[in-house]
N, C-alpha and C. Protein backbone atom coordinates (compact mmCIF):
# COMPACT_ATOMS: atom_id res chain seq x y z
N MET A 1 -36.33 113.18 31.89
CA MET A 1 -36.20 111.93 31.19
C MET A 1 -34.74 111.80 30.75
N ARG A 2 -34.16 110.66 31.07
CA ARG A 2 -32.77 110.40 30.70
C ARG A 2 -32.71 110.02 29.23
N TYR A 3 -31.72 110.53 28.51
CA TYR A 3 -31.59 110.25 27.08
C TYR A 3 -30.71 109.02 26.87
N THR A 4 -31.33 107.93 26.44
CA THR A 4 -30.58 106.72 26.07
C THR A 4 -31.12 106.24 24.75
N LEU A 5 -30.40 105.35 24.12
CA LEU A 5 -30.85 104.81 22.85
C LEU A 5 -31.46 103.41 23.00
N LYS A 6 -31.73 102.96 24.24
CA LYS A 6 -32.38 101.66 24.43
C LYS A 6 -33.76 101.68 23.79
N ILE A 7 -34.51 102.71 24.07
CA ILE A 7 -35.82 102.92 23.44
C ILE A 7 -35.80 104.35 22.92
N PHE A 8 -35.80 104.48 21.59
CA PHE A 8 -35.75 105.83 21.01
C PHE A 8 -37.15 106.43 21.03
N VAL A 9 -37.30 107.51 21.74
CA VAL A 9 -38.60 108.17 21.84
C VAL A 9 -38.60 109.52 21.15
N GLY A 10 -37.57 109.78 20.36
CA GLY A 10 -37.50 111.06 19.66
C GLY A 10 -36.82 112.11 20.50
N GLN A 11 -36.52 113.21 19.88
CA GLN A 11 -35.93 114.32 20.60
C GLN A 11 -36.95 115.44 20.66
N ARG A 12 -37.00 116.07 21.80
CA ARG A 12 -37.96 117.15 21.97
C ARG A 12 -37.24 118.40 22.44
N PHE A 13 -37.74 119.52 22.02
CA PHE A 13 -37.18 120.79 22.44
C PHE A 13 -38.27 121.55 23.18
N TYR A 14 -37.89 122.21 24.25
CA TYR A 14 -38.85 122.96 25.05
C TYR A 14 -38.33 124.38 25.24
N ILE A 15 -39.24 125.31 25.33
CA ILE A 15 -38.90 126.69 25.66
C ILE A 15 -39.64 127.01 26.95
N PHE A 16 -38.90 127.44 27.95
CA PHE A 16 -39.48 127.72 29.26
C PHE A 16 -39.37 129.20 29.58
N ASN A 17 -40.28 129.65 30.40
CA ASN A 17 -40.24 130.99 30.95
C ASN A 17 -39.80 130.86 32.40
N TYR A 18 -38.56 131.23 32.67
CA TYR A 18 -38.06 131.19 34.05
C TYR A 18 -38.21 132.58 34.65
N ALA A 19 -39.14 132.71 35.59
CA ALA A 19 -39.34 133.99 36.26
C ALA A 19 -38.20 134.19 37.26
N THR A 20 -37.47 135.28 37.15
CA THR A 20 -36.32 135.51 38.03
C THR A 20 -36.56 136.61 39.06
N LYS A 21 -37.56 137.46 38.82
CA LYS A 21 -37.80 138.55 39.75
C LYS A 21 -39.12 138.39 40.51
N GLN A 22 -40.16 137.88 39.83
CA GLN A 22 -41.44 137.64 40.49
C GLN A 22 -42.18 136.54 39.73
N ASN A 23 -43.14 135.92 40.39
CA ASN A 23 -43.90 134.85 39.77
C ASN A 23 -44.78 135.38 38.65
N GLY A 24 -45.05 134.52 37.65
CA GLY A 24 -45.96 134.89 36.57
C GLY A 24 -45.21 135.23 35.29
N GLY A 25 -45.96 135.78 34.35
CA GLY A 25 -45.39 136.15 33.06
C GLY A 25 -45.64 135.08 32.02
N PHE A 26 -45.19 135.35 30.81
CA PHE A 26 -45.38 134.38 29.73
C PHE A 26 -44.35 134.63 28.64
N VAL A 27 -44.25 133.66 27.75
CA VAL A 27 -43.37 133.75 26.59
C VAL A 27 -44.23 133.51 25.36
N ASP A 28 -44.13 134.36 24.36
CA ASP A 28 -44.87 134.19 23.11
C ASP A 28 -43.86 133.88 22.01
N VAL A 29 -43.89 132.65 21.48
CA VAL A 29 -42.93 132.21 20.48
C VAL A 29 -43.67 131.84 19.21
N ASP A 30 -43.35 132.49 18.10
CA ASP A 30 -43.97 132.14 16.82
C ASP A 30 -43.29 130.94 16.19
N TRP A 31 -41.97 130.87 16.26
CA TRP A 31 -41.21 129.74 15.76
C TRP A 31 -39.81 129.81 16.32
N PHE A 32 -39.09 128.68 16.28
CA PHE A 32 -37.69 128.69 16.67
C PHE A 32 -36.98 127.62 15.86
N SER A 33 -35.66 127.71 15.80
CA SER A 33 -34.86 126.76 15.04
C SER A 33 -33.66 126.34 15.86
N THR A 34 -33.20 125.13 15.62
CA THR A 34 -31.98 124.65 16.27
C THR A 34 -30.77 124.81 15.36
N GLU A 35 -30.98 125.37 14.16
CA GLU A 35 -29.89 125.58 13.21
C GLU A 35 -29.05 126.78 13.64
N PRO A 36 -27.73 126.73 13.43
CA PRO A 36 -26.88 127.86 13.80
C PRO A 36 -27.21 129.12 13.01
N GLU A 37 -27.54 128.95 11.71
CA GLU A 37 -27.96 130.07 10.87
C GLU A 37 -29.33 129.73 10.30
N PHE A 38 -30.24 130.67 10.38
CA PHE A 38 -31.60 130.37 9.95
C PHE A 38 -32.30 131.64 9.49
N THR A 39 -32.95 131.57 8.33
CA THR A 39 -33.82 132.64 7.87
C THR A 39 -35.09 132.00 7.35
N GLU A 40 -36.18 132.72 7.31
CA GLU A 40 -37.42 132.18 6.79
C GLU A 40 -37.28 131.82 5.31
N GLU A 41 -36.44 132.58 4.57
CA GLU A 41 -36.24 132.29 3.15
C GLU A 41 -35.59 130.92 2.97
N MET A 42 -34.67 130.54 3.88
CA MET A 42 -34.04 129.22 3.80
C MET A 42 -35.05 128.13 4.11
N PHE A 43 -35.93 128.38 5.08
CA PHE A 43 -36.91 127.38 5.49
C PHE A 43 -37.96 127.15 4.41
N PHE A 44 -38.49 128.22 3.83
CA PHE A 44 -39.51 128.09 2.80
C PHE A 44 -38.84 127.98 1.43
N ALA A 45 -38.28 126.82 1.16
CA ALA A 45 -37.60 126.57 -0.11
C ALA A 45 -38.61 126.60 -1.25
N PRO A 46 -38.17 126.89 -2.47
CA PRO A 46 -39.09 126.95 -3.60
C PRO A 46 -39.92 125.66 -3.72
N GLY A 47 -41.20 125.85 -3.92
CA GLY A 47 -42.10 124.71 -4.09
C GLY A 47 -42.71 124.17 -2.82
N THR A 48 -42.23 124.63 -1.65
CA THR A 48 -42.78 124.08 -0.41
C THR A 48 -43.95 124.89 0.13
N LEU A 49 -44.14 126.09 -0.37
CA LEU A 49 -45.20 126.94 0.15
C LEU A 49 -45.85 127.69 -1.00
N ASP A 50 -47.12 127.41 -1.23
CA ASP A 50 -47.87 128.19 -2.21
C ASP A 50 -48.44 129.40 -1.50
N LEU A 51 -48.03 130.58 -1.91
CA LEU A 51 -48.54 131.79 -1.29
C LEU A 51 -49.86 132.13 -1.95
N LEU A 52 -50.92 132.02 -1.20
CA LEU A 52 -52.25 132.29 -1.71
C LEU A 52 -52.85 133.46 -0.96
N ILE A 53 -53.67 134.21 -1.64
CA ILE A 53 -54.40 135.27 -0.98
C ILE A 53 -55.80 134.74 -0.67
N PRO A 54 -56.52 135.34 0.27
CA PRO A 54 -57.84 134.82 0.63
C PRO A 54 -58.78 134.65 -0.56
N GLU A 55 -58.71 135.55 -1.54
CA GLU A 55 -59.60 135.45 -2.71
C GLU A 55 -59.31 134.19 -3.54
N ASP A 56 -58.09 133.64 -3.43
CA ASP A 56 -57.76 132.40 -4.13
C ASP A 56 -58.56 131.23 -3.55
N LEU A 57 -58.82 131.29 -2.24
CA LEU A 57 -59.46 130.18 -1.55
C LEU A 57 -60.97 130.36 -1.38
N MET A 58 -61.49 131.55 -1.72
CA MET A 58 -62.94 131.79 -1.63
C MET A 58 -63.57 131.28 -2.92
N MET A 59 -64.17 130.10 -2.87
CA MET A 59 -64.68 129.44 -4.05
C MET A 59 -65.93 130.11 -4.60
N THR A 60 -65.93 130.33 -5.92
CA THR A 60 -67.12 130.83 -6.59
C THR A 60 -67.77 129.76 -7.46
N ASP A 61 -66.98 128.73 -7.84
CA ASP A 61 -67.51 127.67 -8.69
C ASP A 61 -66.71 126.40 -8.49
N LEU A 62 -67.33 125.28 -8.78
CA LEU A 62 -66.68 123.97 -8.79
C LEU A 62 -66.92 123.39 -10.16
N VAL A 63 -65.85 123.02 -10.87
CA VAL A 63 -65.99 122.54 -12.24
C VAL A 63 -65.33 121.19 -12.43
N ALA A 64 -65.89 120.40 -13.35
CA ALA A 64 -65.30 119.12 -13.74
C ALA A 64 -64.49 119.35 -15.01
N ASP A 65 -63.34 118.69 -15.11
CA ASP A 65 -62.52 118.82 -16.31
C ASP A 65 -61.86 117.47 -16.60
N PRO A 66 -62.36 116.77 -17.62
CA PRO A 66 -63.41 117.13 -18.56
C PRO A 66 -64.80 116.89 -17.96
N VAL A 67 -65.80 117.46 -18.61
CA VAL A 67 -67.18 117.27 -18.16
C VAL A 67 -67.70 115.91 -18.64
N ASN A 68 -67.31 115.51 -19.84
CA ASN A 68 -67.74 114.23 -20.41
C ASN A 68 -66.54 113.30 -20.52
N VAL A 69 -66.66 112.12 -19.92
CA VAL A 69 -65.58 111.16 -19.87
C VAL A 69 -66.02 109.86 -20.53
N GLU A 70 -65.12 109.27 -21.32
CA GLU A 70 -65.35 107.94 -21.88
C GLU A 70 -64.26 107.01 -21.36
N VAL A 71 -64.64 105.80 -20.99
CA VAL A 71 -63.69 104.82 -20.47
C VAL A 71 -64.19 103.42 -20.82
N ARG A 72 -63.27 102.49 -20.98
CA ARG A 72 -63.63 101.10 -21.27
C ARG A 72 -63.88 100.36 -19.95
N PRO A 73 -64.68 99.30 -19.98
CA PRO A 73 -64.88 98.49 -18.77
C PRO A 73 -63.53 97.92 -18.30
N GLY A 74 -63.28 97.98 -17.02
CA GLY A 74 -62.05 97.46 -16.45
C GLY A 74 -60.86 98.38 -16.57
N GLU A 75 -61.04 99.58 -17.17
CA GLU A 75 -59.95 100.53 -17.32
C GLU A 75 -60.22 101.79 -16.51
N THR A 76 -59.23 102.65 -16.46
CA THR A 76 -59.37 103.91 -15.72
C THR A 76 -58.99 105.07 -16.64
N VAL A 77 -59.47 106.24 -16.29
CA VAL A 77 -59.10 107.46 -16.99
C VAL A 77 -59.00 108.58 -15.95
N GLU A 78 -58.06 109.50 -16.18
CA GLU A 78 -57.87 110.62 -15.26
C GLU A 78 -58.89 111.71 -15.53
N ALA A 79 -59.48 112.24 -14.49
CA ALA A 79 -60.45 113.34 -14.60
C ALA A 79 -60.41 114.11 -13.28
N HIS A 80 -60.60 115.44 -13.34
CA HIS A 80 -60.40 116.26 -12.14
C HIS A 80 -61.58 117.18 -11.85
N PHE A 81 -61.62 117.62 -10.60
CA PHE A 81 -62.55 118.66 -10.16
C PHE A 81 -61.71 119.83 -9.65
N TYR A 82 -62.11 121.05 -10.05
CA TYR A 82 -61.38 122.25 -9.67
C TYR A 82 -62.29 123.24 -8.96
N ALA A 83 -61.79 123.80 -7.85
CA ALA A 83 -62.48 124.90 -7.17
C ALA A 83 -61.94 126.19 -7.78
N ILE A 84 -62.82 127.03 -8.31
CA ILE A 84 -62.42 128.29 -8.91
C ILE A 84 -62.58 129.38 -7.84
N GLY A 85 -61.47 130.03 -7.50
CA GLY A 85 -61.48 131.05 -6.47
C GLY A 85 -62.02 132.38 -6.98
N LYS A 86 -62.33 133.26 -6.05
CA LYS A 86 -62.84 134.59 -6.39
C LYS A 86 -61.85 135.35 -7.28
N SER A 87 -60.55 135.06 -7.12
CA SER A 87 -59.51 135.72 -7.89
C SER A 87 -59.33 135.08 -9.27
N GLY A 88 -59.98 133.92 -9.50
CA GLY A 88 -59.79 133.18 -10.73
C GLY A 88 -58.82 132.02 -10.56
N TYR A 89 -58.20 131.91 -9.38
CA TYR A 89 -57.26 130.82 -9.09
C TYR A 89 -57.98 129.49 -9.20
N ARG A 90 -57.39 128.55 -9.91
CA ARG A 90 -57.97 127.23 -10.16
C ARG A 90 -57.23 126.20 -9.31
N ARG A 91 -57.92 125.65 -8.32
CA ARG A 91 -57.30 124.72 -7.37
C ARG A 91 -57.84 123.31 -7.60
N ASP A 92 -56.95 122.35 -7.80
CA ASP A 92 -57.35 120.95 -8.00
C ASP A 92 -57.79 120.38 -6.65
N VAL A 93 -59.07 120.05 -6.54
CA VAL A 93 -59.61 119.50 -5.30
C VAL A 93 -60.12 118.07 -5.51
N SER A 94 -59.57 117.40 -6.52
CA SER A 94 -60.02 116.05 -6.86
C SER A 94 -59.94 115.09 -5.69
N ASP A 95 -58.93 115.25 -4.85
CA ASP A 95 -58.79 114.35 -3.70
C ASP A 95 -59.55 114.86 -2.47
N LEU A 96 -60.21 116.01 -2.58
CA LEU A 96 -60.94 116.58 -1.44
C LEU A 96 -62.45 116.56 -1.61
N VAL A 97 -62.93 116.36 -2.86
CA VAL A 97 -64.38 116.37 -3.09
C VAL A 97 -65.01 115.10 -2.53
N THR A 98 -66.29 115.20 -2.23
CA THR A 98 -67.09 114.01 -1.95
C THR A 98 -67.79 113.70 -3.26
N ALA A 99 -67.42 112.59 -3.88
CA ALA A 99 -67.95 112.25 -5.21
C ALA A 99 -68.67 110.91 -5.16
N LYS A 100 -69.89 110.89 -5.73
CA LYS A 100 -70.68 109.67 -5.76
C LYS A 100 -71.21 109.44 -7.16
N SER A 101 -71.17 108.19 -7.56
CA SER A 101 -71.70 107.80 -8.86
C SER A 101 -73.18 107.50 -8.71
N SER A 102 -73.98 107.96 -9.69
CA SER A 102 -75.42 107.66 -9.64
C SER A 102 -75.68 106.18 -9.93
N LYS A 103 -74.72 105.52 -10.60
CA LYS A 103 -74.81 104.08 -10.88
C LYS A 103 -73.43 103.46 -10.64
N LYS A 104 -73.19 103.02 -9.40
CA LYS A 104 -71.87 102.50 -9.03
C LYS A 104 -71.49 101.24 -9.79
N VAL A 105 -72.48 100.51 -10.31
CA VAL A 105 -72.15 99.30 -11.07
C VAL A 105 -71.53 99.65 -12.42
N ILE A 106 -71.71 100.88 -12.89
CA ILE A 106 -71.18 101.30 -14.19
C ILE A 106 -69.81 101.95 -14.04
N ALA A 107 -69.67 102.91 -13.13
CA ALA A 107 -68.39 103.59 -12.93
C ALA A 107 -68.35 104.24 -11.55
N GLU A 108 -67.14 104.41 -11.05
CA GLU A 108 -66.92 105.10 -9.78
C GLU A 108 -65.77 106.08 -9.95
N TYR A 109 -65.67 107.00 -9.00
CA TYR A 109 -64.64 108.04 -9.03
C TYR A 109 -63.92 108.09 -7.69
N ASP A 110 -62.59 108.25 -7.74
CA ASP A 110 -61.83 108.42 -6.51
C ASP A 110 -60.53 109.16 -6.80
N CYS A 111 -60.35 110.29 -6.17
CA CYS A 111 -59.09 111.06 -6.20
C CYS A 111 -58.53 111.27 -7.60
N GLY A 112 -59.36 111.72 -8.53
CA GLY A 112 -58.87 112.05 -9.86
C GLY A 112 -58.90 110.91 -10.86
N ILE A 113 -59.47 109.77 -10.49
CA ILE A 113 -59.51 108.61 -11.37
C ILE A 113 -60.96 108.12 -11.50
N VAL A 114 -61.38 107.92 -12.77
CA VAL A 114 -62.69 107.31 -13.05
C VAL A 114 -62.43 105.84 -13.35
N TYR A 115 -63.14 104.96 -12.67
CA TYR A 115 -63.00 103.52 -12.84
C TYR A 115 -64.19 103.00 -13.64
N GLY A 116 -63.94 102.51 -14.86
CA GLY A 116 -65.00 101.93 -15.68
C GLY A 116 -65.27 100.51 -15.22
N LYS A 117 -66.57 100.16 -15.01
CA LYS A 117 -66.90 98.83 -14.50
C LYS A 117 -67.74 98.03 -15.50
N ALA A 118 -68.83 98.64 -15.97
CA ALA A 118 -69.74 97.92 -16.88
C ALA A 118 -70.27 98.91 -17.91
N LEU A 119 -70.70 98.40 -19.05
CA LEU A 119 -71.21 99.26 -20.12
C LEU A 119 -72.42 100.06 -19.64
N GLY A 120 -72.48 101.34 -20.04
CA GLY A 120 -73.60 102.20 -19.69
C GLY A 120 -73.13 103.62 -19.42
N THR A 121 -74.06 104.44 -18.91
CA THR A 121 -73.74 105.82 -18.58
C THR A 121 -74.11 106.10 -17.14
N THR A 122 -73.40 107.02 -16.54
CA THR A 122 -73.68 107.44 -15.17
C THR A 122 -73.20 108.87 -14.99
N GLN A 123 -73.56 109.45 -13.88
CA GLN A 123 -73.08 110.79 -13.52
C GLN A 123 -72.33 110.70 -12.20
N ILE A 124 -71.20 111.36 -12.16
CA ILE A 124 -70.46 111.51 -10.91
C ILE A 124 -70.87 112.87 -10.35
N VAL A 125 -71.49 112.86 -9.18
CA VAL A 125 -71.90 114.10 -8.53
C VAL A 125 -70.87 114.40 -7.45
N ALA A 126 -70.22 115.56 -7.57
CA ALA A 126 -69.17 115.94 -6.63
C ALA A 126 -69.58 117.20 -5.88
N ASN A 127 -69.30 117.22 -4.57
CA ASN A 127 -69.51 118.45 -3.81
C ASN A 127 -68.28 118.74 -2.98
N PHE A 128 -68.07 120.02 -2.76
CA PHE A 128 -66.88 120.48 -2.03
C PHE A 128 -67.24 121.73 -1.25
N THR A 129 -66.73 121.83 -0.03
CA THR A 129 -66.92 123.01 0.81
C THR A 129 -65.56 123.63 1.07
N ASP A 130 -65.41 124.92 0.75
CA ASP A 130 -64.11 125.57 0.93
C ASP A 130 -63.89 125.94 2.40
N ASP A 131 -62.74 126.54 2.69
CA ASP A 131 -62.37 126.91 4.06
C ASP A 131 -63.27 127.99 4.65
N TYR A 132 -64.05 128.66 3.80
CA TYR A 132 -64.94 129.72 4.26
C TYR A 132 -66.38 129.25 4.39
N GLY A 133 -66.62 127.95 4.16
CA GLY A 133 -67.95 127.38 4.32
C GLY A 133 -68.81 127.42 3.07
N THR A 134 -68.26 127.86 1.94
CA THR A 134 -69.03 127.89 0.70
C THR A 134 -69.04 126.49 0.10
N ARG A 135 -70.24 126.00 -0.20
CA ARG A 135 -70.38 124.64 -0.76
C ARG A 135 -70.87 124.74 -2.19
N ARG A 136 -70.26 123.95 -3.07
CA ARG A 136 -70.67 123.89 -4.47
C ARG A 136 -70.79 122.43 -4.90
N VAL A 137 -71.66 122.19 -5.87
CA VAL A 137 -71.89 120.85 -6.43
C VAL A 137 -71.76 120.93 -7.94
N THR A 138 -71.14 119.92 -8.54
CA THR A 138 -71.05 119.84 -9.99
C THR A 138 -71.15 118.38 -10.42
N ARG A 139 -71.27 118.17 -11.73
CA ARG A 139 -71.44 116.82 -12.26
C ARG A 139 -70.46 116.53 -13.38
N MET A 140 -70.11 115.26 -13.49
CA MET A 140 -69.27 114.76 -14.57
C MET A 140 -70.03 113.60 -15.20
N ASN A 141 -70.20 113.63 -16.53
CA ASN A 141 -70.91 112.56 -17.24
C ASN A 141 -69.91 111.49 -17.66
N VAL A 142 -70.20 110.24 -17.33
CA VAL A 142 -69.30 109.14 -17.64
C VAL A 142 -70.01 108.13 -18.52
N THR A 143 -69.36 107.77 -19.63
CA THR A 143 -69.87 106.73 -20.52
C THR A 143 -68.84 105.61 -20.53
N VAL A 144 -69.28 104.41 -20.15
CA VAL A 144 -68.41 103.24 -20.21
C VAL A 144 -68.80 102.49 -21.48
N THR A 145 -67.84 102.39 -22.39
CA THR A 145 -68.11 101.83 -23.71
C THR A 145 -66.91 101.05 -24.21
N ASN A 146 -67.14 100.12 -25.12
CA ASN A 146 -66.05 99.38 -25.75
C ASN A 146 -65.46 100.16 -26.91
N GLU A 147 -66.15 101.20 -27.36
CA GLU A 147 -65.73 101.98 -28.53
C GLU A 147 -65.31 103.38 -28.12
N VAL A 148 -64.26 103.43 -27.35
CA VAL A 148 -63.76 104.73 -26.88
C VAL A 148 -63.00 105.38 -28.02
N GLY A 149 -63.47 106.57 -28.39
CA GLY A 149 -62.81 107.33 -29.47
C GLY A 149 -61.82 108.29 -28.87
N ILE A 150 -61.77 109.47 -29.43
CA ILE A 150 -60.88 110.50 -28.91
C ILE A 150 -61.48 110.98 -27.60
N HIS A 151 -60.69 110.89 -26.56
CA HIS A 151 -61.17 111.29 -25.23
C HIS A 151 -61.30 112.80 -25.12
N SER A 152 -62.23 113.22 -24.28
CA SER A 152 -62.23 114.63 -23.88
C SER A 152 -60.98 114.81 -23.05
N THR A 153 -60.27 115.86 -23.29
CA THR A 153 -59.04 116.09 -22.54
C THR A 153 -59.17 117.34 -21.71
N PRO A 154 -58.38 117.41 -20.62
CA PRO A 154 -58.42 118.63 -19.82
C PRO A 154 -58.10 119.85 -20.69
N SER A 155 -58.50 121.00 -20.22
CA SER A 155 -58.32 122.24 -20.97
C SER A 155 -56.90 122.37 -21.48
N GLU A 156 -56.75 122.85 -22.72
CA GLU A 156 -55.43 123.03 -23.29
C GLU A 156 -54.65 124.06 -22.50
N ALA A 157 -53.33 123.94 -22.56
CA ALA A 157 -52.47 124.87 -21.83
C ALA A 157 -52.73 126.30 -22.30
N ALA A 158 -52.95 127.17 -21.36
CA ALA A 158 -53.20 128.58 -21.68
C ALA A 158 -51.89 129.35 -21.65
N LYS A 159 -51.90 130.55 -22.22
CA LYS A 159 -50.72 131.39 -22.24
C LYS A 159 -50.81 132.46 -21.15
N VAL A 160 -49.65 132.90 -20.68
CA VAL A 160 -49.59 133.95 -19.65
C VAL A 160 -49.91 135.29 -20.30
N VAL A 161 -50.88 136.03 -19.71
CA VAL A 161 -51.24 137.35 -20.24
C VAL A 161 -50.90 138.49 -19.29
N ALA A 162 -50.70 138.17 -18.00
CA ALA A 162 -50.32 139.20 -17.02
C ALA A 162 -49.53 138.54 -15.90
N THR A 163 -48.55 139.27 -15.34
CA THR A 163 -47.71 138.72 -14.29
C THR A 163 -47.61 139.72 -13.14
N GLN A 164 -47.71 139.20 -11.91
CA GLN A 164 -47.55 140.01 -10.70
C GLN A 164 -46.46 139.37 -9.86
N TYR A 165 -45.69 140.19 -9.11
CA TYR A 165 -44.62 139.69 -8.26
C TYR A 165 -44.89 140.10 -6.82
N PHE A 166 -44.59 139.19 -5.87
CA PHE A 166 -44.82 139.44 -4.45
C PHE A 166 -43.67 138.88 -3.63
N THR A 167 -43.44 139.46 -2.45
CA THR A 167 -42.52 138.88 -1.48
C THR A 167 -43.24 137.71 -0.82
N THR A 168 -42.50 136.91 -0.04
CA THR A 168 -43.13 135.77 0.63
C THR A 168 -44.13 136.20 1.70
N ASP A 169 -44.04 137.46 2.15
CA ASP A 169 -45.03 137.94 3.12
C ASP A 169 -46.15 138.73 2.46
N GLY A 170 -46.23 138.69 1.12
CA GLY A 170 -47.38 139.25 0.42
C GLY A 170 -47.26 140.67 -0.10
N ARG A 171 -46.09 141.32 0.06
CA ARG A 171 -45.92 142.68 -0.44
C ARG A 171 -45.68 142.67 -1.96
N ALA A 172 -46.35 143.57 -2.68
CA ALA A 172 -46.22 143.64 -4.14
C ALA A 172 -44.85 144.16 -4.53
N LEU A 173 -44.31 143.63 -5.62
CA LEU A 173 -43.02 144.05 -6.15
C LEU A 173 -43.19 144.47 -7.61
N ALA A 174 -42.30 145.31 -8.09
CA ALA A 174 -42.34 145.73 -9.49
C ALA A 174 -41.68 144.68 -10.38
N ALA A 175 -40.72 143.94 -9.83
CA ALA A 175 -39.98 142.93 -10.59
C ALA A 175 -39.49 141.87 -9.61
N PRO A 176 -39.04 140.71 -10.10
CA PRO A 176 -38.51 139.69 -9.19
C PRO A 176 -37.33 140.24 -8.40
N GLN A 177 -37.19 139.78 -7.16
CA GLN A 177 -36.09 140.24 -6.31
C GLN A 177 -35.12 139.10 -6.07
N ARG A 178 -33.97 139.41 -5.49
CA ARG A 178 -33.01 138.39 -5.11
C ARG A 178 -33.60 137.56 -3.98
N GLY A 179 -33.45 136.25 -4.04
CA GLY A 179 -34.04 135.36 -3.06
C GLY A 179 -35.32 134.75 -3.64
N ILE A 180 -36.33 134.61 -2.82
CA ILE A 180 -37.58 134.00 -3.26
C ILE A 180 -38.59 135.07 -3.65
N THR A 181 -39.15 134.93 -4.83
CA THR A 181 -40.21 135.81 -5.30
C THR A 181 -41.42 134.95 -5.65
N VAL A 182 -42.60 135.37 -5.18
CA VAL A 182 -43.84 134.68 -5.53
C VAL A 182 -44.35 135.32 -6.82
N VAL A 183 -44.61 134.49 -7.82
CA VAL A 183 -45.07 134.96 -9.12
C VAL A 183 -46.51 134.49 -9.34
N ARG A 184 -47.42 135.45 -9.57
CA ARG A 184 -48.81 135.12 -9.91
C ARG A 184 -49.02 135.50 -11.36
N GLU A 185 -49.48 134.52 -12.15
CA GLU A 185 -49.65 134.75 -13.57
C GLU A 185 -51.11 134.55 -13.95
N GLN A 186 -51.67 135.51 -14.68
CA GLN A 186 -53.02 135.35 -15.20
C GLN A 186 -52.89 134.69 -16.57
N MET A 187 -53.69 133.63 -16.77
CA MET A 187 -53.62 132.88 -18.01
C MET A 187 -54.67 133.39 -18.99
N SER A 188 -54.50 133.05 -20.28
CA SER A 188 -55.43 133.51 -21.31
C SER A 188 -56.83 132.95 -21.13
N ASN A 189 -56.98 131.88 -20.34
CA ASN A 189 -58.31 131.33 -20.07
C ASN A 189 -58.95 131.95 -18.83
N GLY A 190 -58.31 133.01 -18.28
CA GLY A 190 -58.88 133.72 -17.13
C GLY A 190 -58.45 133.18 -15.79
N GLN A 191 -57.75 132.07 -15.75
CA GLN A 191 -57.34 131.47 -14.49
C GLN A 191 -56.01 132.06 -14.04
N TRP A 192 -55.68 131.84 -12.77
CA TRP A 192 -54.43 132.33 -12.20
C TRP A 192 -53.55 131.15 -11.82
N ARG A 193 -52.24 131.29 -11.99
CA ARG A 193 -51.26 130.29 -11.59
C ARG A 193 -50.29 130.96 -10.64
N THR A 194 -49.97 130.30 -9.53
CA THR A 194 -49.03 130.86 -8.56
C THR A 194 -47.83 129.91 -8.44
N ARG A 195 -46.63 130.49 -8.45
CA ARG A 195 -45.42 129.70 -8.28
C ARG A 195 -44.36 130.57 -7.60
N LYS A 196 -43.33 129.91 -7.10
CA LYS A 196 -42.24 130.63 -6.46
C LYS A 196 -40.98 130.49 -7.30
N VAL A 197 -40.19 131.56 -7.34
CA VAL A 197 -38.97 131.59 -8.13
C VAL A 197 -37.83 131.97 -7.20
N LEU A 198 -36.72 131.25 -7.27
CA LEU A 198 -35.53 131.55 -6.48
C LEU A 198 -34.47 132.13 -7.40
N ARG A 199 -33.95 133.33 -7.07
CA ARG A 199 -32.91 133.97 -7.89
C ARG A 199 -31.64 134.11 -7.09
C-alpha cells in the first residue's frame, strides 16, 4: 500500500519472519515499540495500571454503599456497588452491575446514580459476575421523598493499618524502590487499597 495523505488510513507496523535458510519457523513477540529508548517502567506510568493479584478479583461478596438511599423526585444521588475480593480488595463495579428497580416508576439506577422519579419506596436489585464466574446479588433500598434529611453516606475514610510493597511484576519488596513501586495498603475497615508510587 502506497503511503499518501489523500486518504489517511492510519499507520501500521508489521513484524515478519523472513526464512533465510529453509521454509517454516515462527516469531513470538510479546510487545514492541517504535521509540528509540523504551522500558516497561516508562510505558506503565503511575496511575495507568492497577496491579492486582488474583485474590483481588475473586469476589466473595457484592455490597451496596449506602444500603439505604433517600432522594427527592426529579433529583439524583450517588450510590455505588462494590465487589469485595477474597483479599479484601474493594472494587467499584457500579458501571458493571446489572441493576433493576422493583418499581421503575419510583426510582431507577444507572452507573452509580439513583434517579428519583415519584414518591414511594423501591429496591434496586444488582447482580454481578466476576472474571472467575462467581455471581453475587445484593439490594439497595431507595426512598423517594420530599423530606430528605441527612443522607446515608458512603463509608467514612478508613486509616491505613498495614502496607506492602511490590515491583510492577509482582515481587515483594521490603521498602519502596527507585522507579515505580506498587503499594498495597490494608485499611482499618478491613479493605485493601492499591496504588502506584513513582520515586
